[in-house]
Amino acid sequence: MDSPDIVGPVLEKFHRDLLRIHRCLGSFPTVERFLRRNETPVRRVLDIGCGDGAMLAYLRDRMGVEVIGVDRKPGRTAGIPIVQADAVNDPLPEADVAVSTLLAHHLTPEQNIALIRNVGRSCRRFVILDLIRHPMPLVLFTIFICPLIGREAAVDGRQSVRRAFTPEEFAELARTALAGTSGTVAIDVPPLLSRQIVDIRW
């Protein structure tokens, strides 16, 4: 997925397979559930690494919110505004809440720290959904999801689980990023370790 050779039809197929993975993991309803727990009404959502904007389309339709995405290689979208930018370093659009799904494991620890700090300049909350590095999700992904997606996405997915952070590692990253601020972090992990939610608030 990170390769510069993944463009055009190959990138579009990647996004279709990624949508299947999100459906298997229940990513979209999970993010919606966390956004509905916001202390104040959520009117605008920013998706970091939004791809083709599928998550934003879901949240717009389900919650009636204004949406905007940021991605270095945006996919073909249907009416979703997307800014082509590097979310780690470039200025970001303002929003009530920023979300990110299956992006963090593509970044180094230093890049994740910089991303969290950058998001905090334009948003009051950052909800990050990502994988967990552990044998159990790797086995479950291989058995149940790999047969449903293309070879490139299957290889990328298995590599992604191996590259992901443990909840303890991500909590430490977030605490480092929030040092010197009033920000807080909470991490939610389900029993089968299928994903982790890192919920950061300023």
C-alpha atoms as a PDB file:
ATOM      1  CA  MET A   1       0.000   0.000   0.000  1.00  0.00           C
ATOM      2  CA  ASP A   2       2.876   2.387   0.729  1.00  0.00           C
ATOM      3  CA  SER A   3       4.623   1.697  -2.578  1.00  0.00           C
ATOM      4  CA  PRO A   4       4.604   4.538  -5.152  1.00  0.00           C
ATOM      5  CA  ASP A   5       3.784   1.842  -7.745  1.00  0.00           C
ATOM      6  CA  ILE A   6       0.320   1.345  -6.197  1.00  0.00           C
ATOM      7  CA  VAL A   7      -1.684   3.768  -8.369  1.00  0.00           C
ATOM      8  CA  GLY A   8      -4.620   3.822 -10.784  1.00  0.00           C
ATOM      9  CA  PRO A   9      -6.646   0.588 -11.086  1.00  0.00           C
ATOM     10  CA  VAL A  10      -4.379  -1.231  -8.608  1.00  0.00           C
ATOM     11  CA  LEU A  11      -4.992   1.469  -5.994  1.00  0.00           C
ATOM     12  CA  GLU A  12      -8.737   1.353  -6.634  1.00  0.00           C
ATOM     13  CA  LYS A  13      -8.748  -2.426  -6.133  1.00  0.00           C
ATOM     14  CA  PHE A  14      -6.782  -1.906  -2.933  1.00  0.00           C
ATOM     15  CA  HIS A  15      -9.458   0.455  -1.673  1.00  0.00           C
ATOM     16  CA  ARG A  16     -12.210  -2.046  -2.527  1.00  0.00           C
ATOM     17  CA  ASP A  17     -10.375  -4.774  -0.623  1.00  0.00           C
ATOM     18  CA  LEU A  18      -9.755  -2.378   2.257  1.00  0.00           C
ATOM     19  CA  LEU A  19     -13.497  -1.730   2.428  1.00  0.00           C
ATOM     20  CA  ARG A  20     -14.071  -5.485   2.737  1.00  0.00           C
ATOM     21  CA  ILE A  21     -11.560  -5.583   5.593  1.00  0.00           C
ATOM     22  CA  HIS A  22     -13.330  -2.696   7.333  1.00  0.00           C
ATOM     23  CA  ARG A  23     -16.643  -4.540   6.996  1.00  0.00           C
ATOM     24  CA  CYS A  24     -15.149  -7.695   8.481  1.00  0.00           C
ATOM     25  CA  LEU A  25     -13.672  -5.742  11.391  1.00  0.00           C
ATOM     26  CA  GLY A  26     -16.778  -3.588  11.887  1.00  0.00           C
ATOM     27  CA  SER A  27     -14.574  -0.490  11.693  1.00  0.00           C
ATOM     28  CA  PHE A  28     -17.206   2.010  10.541  1.00  0.00           C
ATOM     29  CA  PRO A  29     -19.860   1.228  13.211  1.00  0.00           C
ATOM     30  CA  THR A  30     -17.122   1.138  15.854  1.00  0.00           C
ATOM     31  CA  VAL A  31     -15.890   4.628  14.952  1.00  0.00           C
ATOM     32  CA  GLU A  32     -19.481   5.893  14.812  1.00  0.00           C
ATOM     33  CA  ARG A  33     -20.129   4.505  18.306  1.00  0.00           C
ATOM     34  CA  PHE A  34     -17.121   6.363  19.700  1.00  0.00           C
ATOM     35  CA  LEU A  35     -18.027   9.616  17.936  1.00  0.00           C
ATOM     36  CA  ARG A  36     -21.520   9.513  19.417  1.00  0.00           C
ATOM     37  CA  ARG A  37     -19.894   9.585  22.873  1.00  0.00           C
ATOM     38  CA  ASN A  38     -18.546  13.094  22.304  1.00  0.00           C
ATOM     39  CA  GLU A  39     -19.324  15.584  25.068  1.00  0.00           C
ATOM     40  CA  THR A  40     -20.493  18.193  22.543  1.00  0.00           C
ATOM     41  CA  PRO A  41     -22.353  17.657  19.254  1.00  0.00           C
ATOM     42  CA  VAL A  42     -20.087  16.549  16.403  1.00  0.00           C
ATOM     43  CA  ARG A  43     -20.692  18.727  13.360  1.00  0.00           C
ATOM     44  CA  ARG A  44     -17.543  18.176  11.286  1.00  0.00           C
ATOM     45  CA  VAL A  45     -15.336  15.084  10.976  1.00  0.00           C
ATOM     46  CA  LEU A  46     -11.852  14.938   9.469  1.00  0.00           C
ATOM     47  CA  ASP A  47     -10.574  11.546   8.243  1.00  0.00           C
ATOM     48  CA  ILE A  48      -6.772  11.214   8.183  1.00  0.00           C
ATOM     49  CA  GLY A  49      -5.653   8.804   5.458  1.00  0.00           C
ATOM     50  CA  CYS A  50      -9.199   8.626   4.119  1.00  0.00           C
ATOM     51  CA  GLY A  51      -8.465   6.732   0.876  1.00  0.00           C
ATOM     52  CA  ASP A  52     -11.574   6.936  -1.284  1.00  0.00           C
ATOM     53  CA  GLY A  53     -13.677   8.479   1.499  1.00  0.00           C
ATOM     54  CA  ALA A  54     -15.826   5.423   2.295  1.00  0.00           C
ATOM     55  CA  MET A  55     -15.660   6.036   6.044  1.00  0.00           C
ATOM     56  CA  LEU A  56     -16.636   9.671   5.593  1.00  0.00           C
ATOM     57  CA  ALA A  57     -19.586   8.767   3.365  1.00  0.00           C
ATOM     58  CA  TYR A  58     -20.779   6.356   6.056  1.00  0.00           C
ATOM     59  CA  LEU A  59     -20.473   8.937   8.852  1.00  0.00           C
ATOM     60  CA  ARG A  60     -22.117  11.646   6.753  1.00  0.00           C
ATOM     61  CA  ASP A  61     -25.099   9.431   6.015  1.00  0.00           C
ATOM     62  CA  ARG A  62     -25.416   7.948   9.504  1.00  0.00           C
ATOM     63  CA  MET A  63     -24.732  11.041  11.615  1.00  0.00           C
ATOM     64  CA  GLY A  64     -25.584  13.934   9.314  1.00  0.00           C
ATOM     65  CA  VAL A  65     -22.171  15.525   9.817  1.00  0.00           C
ATOM     66  CA  GLU A  66     -20.034  17.607   7.483  1.00  0.00           C
ATOM     67  CA  VAL A  67     -17.001  15.605   6.380  1.00  0.00           C
ATOM     68  CA  ILE A  68     -13.575  16.235   4.878  1.00  0.00           C
ATOM     69  CA  GLY A  69     -10.634  13.929   4.250  1.00  0.00           C
ATOM     70  CA  VAL A  70      -6.871  14.140   3.930  1.00  0.00           C
ATOM     71  CA  ASP A  71      -4.794  11.581   2.030  1.00  0.00           C
ATOM     72  CA  ARG A  72      -1.447  11.486   0.244  1.00  0.00           C
ATOM     73  CA  LYS A  73      -2.947   9.308  -2.529  1.00  0.00           C
ATOM     74  CA  PRO A  74      -6.713   9.917  -2.605  1.00  0.00           C
ATOM     75  CA  GLY A  75      -8.833   7.312  -4.360  1.00  0.00           C
ATOM     76  CA  ARG A  76     -11.761   7.951  -6.665  1.00  0.00           C
ATOM     77  CA  THR A  77     -14.510   9.478  -4.527  1.00  0.00           C
ATOM     78  CA  ALA A  78     -18.207  10.179  -4.879  1.00  0.00           C
ATOM     79  CA  GLY A  79     -18.801  13.705  -3.620  1.00  0.00           C
ATOM     80  CA  ILE A  80     -16.454  13.559  -0.615  1.00  0.00           C
ATOM     81  CA  PRO A  81     -14.084  16.555  -0.341  1.00  0.00           C
ATOM     82  CA  ILE A  82     -10.517  15.330   0.055  1.00  0.00           C
ATOM     83  CA  VAL A  83      -7.347  17.374   0.460  1.00  0.00           C
ATOM     84  CA  GLN A  84      -4.197  15.792  -0.962  1.00  0.00           C
ATOM     85  CA  ALA A  85      -1.606  16.395   1.745  1.00  0.00           C
ATOM     86  CA  ASP A  86       0.828  14.829   4.189  1.00  0.00           C
ATOM     87  CA  ALA A  87      -1.107  14.793   7.470  1.00  0.00           C
ATOM     88  CA  VAL A  88       2.068  14.329   9.506  1.00  0.00           C
ATOM     89  CA  ASN A  89       3.510  17.688   8.466  1.00  0.00           C
ATOM     90  CA  ASP A  90       1.031  19.780   6.470  1.00  0.00           C
ATOM     91  CA  PRO A  91      -1.621  22.078   7.994  1.00  0.00           C
ATOM     92  CA  LEU A  92      -4.928  20.240   8.452  1.00  0.00           C
ATOM     93  CA  PRO A  93      -8.552  21.386   8.060  1.00  0.00           C
ATOM     94  CA  GLU A  94     -10.348  22.213  11.294  1.00  0.00           C
ATOM     95  CA  ALA A  95     -12.952  19.758  12.596  1.00  0.00           C
ATOM     96  CA  ASP A  96     -14.652  18.784  15.840  1.00  0.00           C
ATOM     97  CA  VAL A  97     -13.158  15.289  15.677  1.00  0.00           C
ATOM     98  CA  ALA A  98     -10.453  13.664  13.560  1.00  0.00           C
ATOM     99  CA  VAL A  99     -10.491   9.943  12.872  1.00  0.00           C
ATOM    100  CA  SER A 100      -7.954   7.555  11.400  1.00  0.00           C
ATOM    101  CA  THR A 101      -8.462   3.901  10.487  1.00  0.00           C
ATOM    102  CA  LEU A 102      -5.711   1.382   9.714  1.00  0.00           C
ATOM    103  CA  LEU A 103      -3.135   4.116   9.112  1.00  0.00           C
ATOM    104  CA  ALA A 104      -0.977   4.197  12.247  1.00  0.00           C
ATOM    105  CA  HIS A 105       0.912   0.967  11.518  1.00  0.00           C
ATOM    106  CA  HIS A 106       2.114   2.491   8.223  1.00  0.00           C
ATOM    107  CA  LEU A 107       3.886   5.234  10.198  1.00  0.00           C
ATOM    108  CA  THR A 108       6.989   5.160  12.374  1.00  0.00           C
ATOM    109  CA  PRO A 109       6.687   5.952  16.081  1.00  0.00           C
ATOM    110  CA  GLU A 110       8.113   9.413  15.396  1.00  0.00           C
ATOM    111  CA  GLN A 111       5.605  10.021  12.592  1.00  0.00           C
ATOM    112  CA  ASN A 112       2.699   8.956  14.821  1.00  0.00           C
ATOM    113  CA  ILE A 113       3.850  11.358  17.523  1.00  0.00           C
ATOM    114  CA  ALA A 114       4.108  14.179  14.957  1.00  0.00           C
ATOM    115  CA  LEU A 115       0.683  13.273  13.526  1.00  0.00           C
ATOM    116  CA  ILE A 116      -1.005  13.407  16.927  1.00  0.00           C
ATOM    117  CA  ARG A 117       0.556  16.789  17.641  1.00  0.00           C
ATOM    118  CA  ASN A 118      -0.440  18.073  14.200  1.00  0.00           C
ATOM    119  CA  VAL A 119      -4.045  16.930  14.589  1.00  0.00           C
ATOM    120  CA  GLY A 120      -4.197  18.635  17.978  1.00  0.00           C
ATOM    121  CA  ARG A 121      -3.641  21.995  16.269  1.00  0.00           C
ATOM    122  CA  SER A 122      -6.986  21.811  14.434  1.00  0.00           C
ATOM    123  CA  CYS A 123      -9.162  19.290  16.331  1.00  0.00           C
ATOM    124  CA  ARG A 124     -10.220  18.720  19.927  1.00  0.00           C
ATOM    125  CA  ARG A 125     -10.346  14.936  19.640  1.00  0.00           C
ATOM    126  CA  PHE A 126      -8.571  12.230  17.644  1.00  0.00           C
ATOM    127  CA  VAL A 127     -10.030   8.705  17.402  1.00  0.00           C
ATOM    128  CA  ILE A 128      -7.504   6.238  15.976  1.00  0.00           C
ATOM    129  CA  LEU A 129      -8.519   2.695  14.987  1.00  0.00           C
ATOM    130  CA  ASP A 130      -5.659   0.355  14.187  1.00  0.00           C
ATOM    131  CA  LEU A 131      -4.519  -3.247  14.314  1.00  0.00           C
ATOM    132  CA  ILE A 132      -2.674  -4.954  17.179  1.00  0.00           C
ATOM    133  CA  ARG A 133       0.602  -6.803  16.809  1.00  0.00           C
ATOM    134  CA  HIS A 134      -0.231 -10.236  18.236  1.00  0.00           C
ATOM    135  CA  PRO A 135      -0.390 -13.827  16.925  1.00  0.00           C
ATOM    136  CA  MET A 136      -4.164 -14.099  17.418  1.00  0.00           C
ATOM    137  CA  PRO A 137      -5.268 -11.357  14.957  1.00  0.00           C
ATOM    138  CA  LEU A 138      -2.637 -12.548  12.472  1.00  0.00           C
ATOM    139  CA  VAL A 139      -4.091 -16.064  12.476  1.00  0.00           C
ATOM    140  CA  LEU A 140      -7.693 -14.805  12.315  1.00  0.00           C
ATOM    141  CA  PHE A 141      -6.867 -12.442   9.432  1.00  0.00           C
ATOM    142  CA  THR A 142      -5.110 -15.217   7.511  1.00  0.00           C
ATOM    143  CA  ILE A 143      -7.946 -17.730   7.944  1.00  0.00           C
ATOM    144  CA  PHE A 144     -11.050 -15.568   7.622  1.00  0.00           C
ATOM    145  CA  ILE A 145     -10.168 -12.405   5.663  1.00  0.00           C
ATOM    146  CA  CYS A 146      -7.359 -13.299   3.252  1.00  0.00           C
ATOM    147  CA  PRO A 147      -9.616 -15.596   1.159  1.00  0.00           C
ATOM    148  CA  LEU A 148     -12.029 -12.673   0.620  1.00  0.00           C
ATOM    149  CA  ILE A 149      -9.539 -10.156  -0.776  1.00  0.00           C
ATOM    150  CA  GLY A 150      -6.904  -9.849  -3.500  1.00  0.00           C
ATOM    151  CA  ARG A 151      -3.363 -11.122  -3.135  1.00  0.00           C
ATOM    152  CA  GLU A 152      -1.818  -7.640  -2.779  1.00  0.00           C
ATOM    153  CA  ALA A 153      -4.215  -6.654   0.002  1.00  0.00           C
ATOM    154  CA  ALA A 154      -3.767 -10.022   1.735  1.00  0.00           C
ATOM    155  CA  VAL A 155       0.026  -9.644   1.765  1.00  0.00           C
ATOM    156  CA  ASP A 156      -0.275  -6.034   2.917  1.00  0.00           C
ATOM    157  CA  GLY A 157      -2.752  -7.006   5.640  1.00  0.00           C
ATOM    158  CA  ARG A 158      -0.553  -9.718   7.117  1.00  0.00           C
ATOM    159  CA  GLN A 159       2.420  -7.362   7.029  1.00  0.00           C
ATOM    160  CA  SER A 160       0.275  -4.695   8.675  1.00  0.00           C
ATOM    161  CA  VAL A 161      -0.513  -6.914  11.672  1.00  0.00           C
ATOM    162  CA  ARG A 162       3.198  -7.648  12.076  1.00  0.00           C
ATOM    163  CA  ARG A 163       4.028  -3.921  11.893  1.00  0.00           C
ATOM    164  CA  ALA A 164       1.252  -2.755  14.210  1.00  0.00           C
ATOM    165  CA  PHE A 165       1.806  -1.459  17.724  1.00  0.00           C
ATOM    166  CA  THR A 166       0.751  -3.171  20.914  1.00  0.00           C
ATOM    167  CA  PRO A 167      -1.720  -1.174  23.044  1.00  0.00           C
ATOM    168  CA  GLU A 168       1.051  -0.514  25.559  1.00  0.00           C
ATOM    169  CA  GLU A 169       3.341   0.841  22.838  1.00  0.00           C
ATOM    170  CA  PHE A 170       0.617   3.062  21.398  1.00  0.00           C
ATOM    171  CA  ALA A 171      -0.305   4.418  24.813  1.00  0.00           C
ATOM    172  CA  GLU A 172       3.324   5.413  25.357  1.00  0.00           C
ATOM    173  CA  LEU A 173       3.446   7.085  21.918  1.00  0.00           C
ATOM    174  CA  ALA A 174       0.320   9.066  22.720  1.00  0.00           C
ATOM    175  CA  ARG A 175       1.620  10.113  26.142  1.00  0.00           C
ATOM    176  CA  THR A 176       4.842  11.322  24.518  1.00  0.00           C
ATOM    177  CA  ALA A 177       2.887  13.307  21.923  1.00  0.00           C
ATOM    178  CA  LEU A 178       0.688  14.867  24.624  1.00  0.00           C
ATOM    179  CA  ALA A 179       3.506  15.760  27.023  1.00  0.00           C
ATOM    180  CA  GLY A 180       3.176  19.345  28.187  1.00  0.00           C
ATOM    181  CA  THR A 181      -0.479  19.607  27.160  1.00  0.00           C
ATOM    182  CA  SER A 182      -3.793  18.949  28.909  1.00  0.00           C
ATOM    183  CA  GLY A 183      -4.494  16.077  26.507  1.00  0.00           C
ATOM    184  CA  THR A 184      -5.620  12.655  27.696  1.00  0.00           C
ATOM    185  CA  VAL A 185      -5.566   9.211  26.080  1.00  0.00           C
ATOM    186  CA  ALA A 186      -7.732   6.111  26.569  1.00  0.00           C
ATOM    187  CA  ILE A 187      -7.329   2.792  24.760  1.00  0.00           C
ATOM    188  CA  ASP A 188     -10.095   0.280  24.043  1.00  0.00           C
ATOM    189  CA  VAL A 189      -9.256  -3.331  23.081  1.00  0.00           C
ATOM    190  CA  PRO A 190     -11.858  -6.079  22.367  1.00  0.00           C
ATOM    191  CA  PRO A 191     -11.400  -9.673  23.623  1.00  0.00           C
ATOM    192  CA  LEU A 192     -10.174 -11.123  20.289  1.00  0.00           C
ATOM    193  CA  LEU A 193      -7.643  -8.290  19.819  1.00  0.00           C
ATOM    194  CA  SER A 194      -9.065  -7.545  16.368  1.00  0.00           C
ATOM    195  CA  ARG A 195      -8.339  -3.819  16.719  1.00  0.00           C
ATOM    196  CA  GLN A 196      -7.524  -1.061  19.175  1.00  0.00           C
ATOM    197  CA  ILE A 197      -9.113   2.347  19.563  1.00  0.00           C
ATOM    198  CA  VAL A 198      -6.800   5.114  20.763  1.00  0.00           C
ATOM    199  CA  ASP A 199      -9.056   7.960  21.931  1.00  0.00           C
ATOM    200  CA  ILE A 200      -7.168  11.240  22.388  1.00  0.00           C
ATOM    201  CA  ARG A 201      -8.806  14.399  23.729  1.00  0.00           C
ATOM    202  CA  TRP A 202      -7.457  17.893  24.256  1.00  0.00           C
END
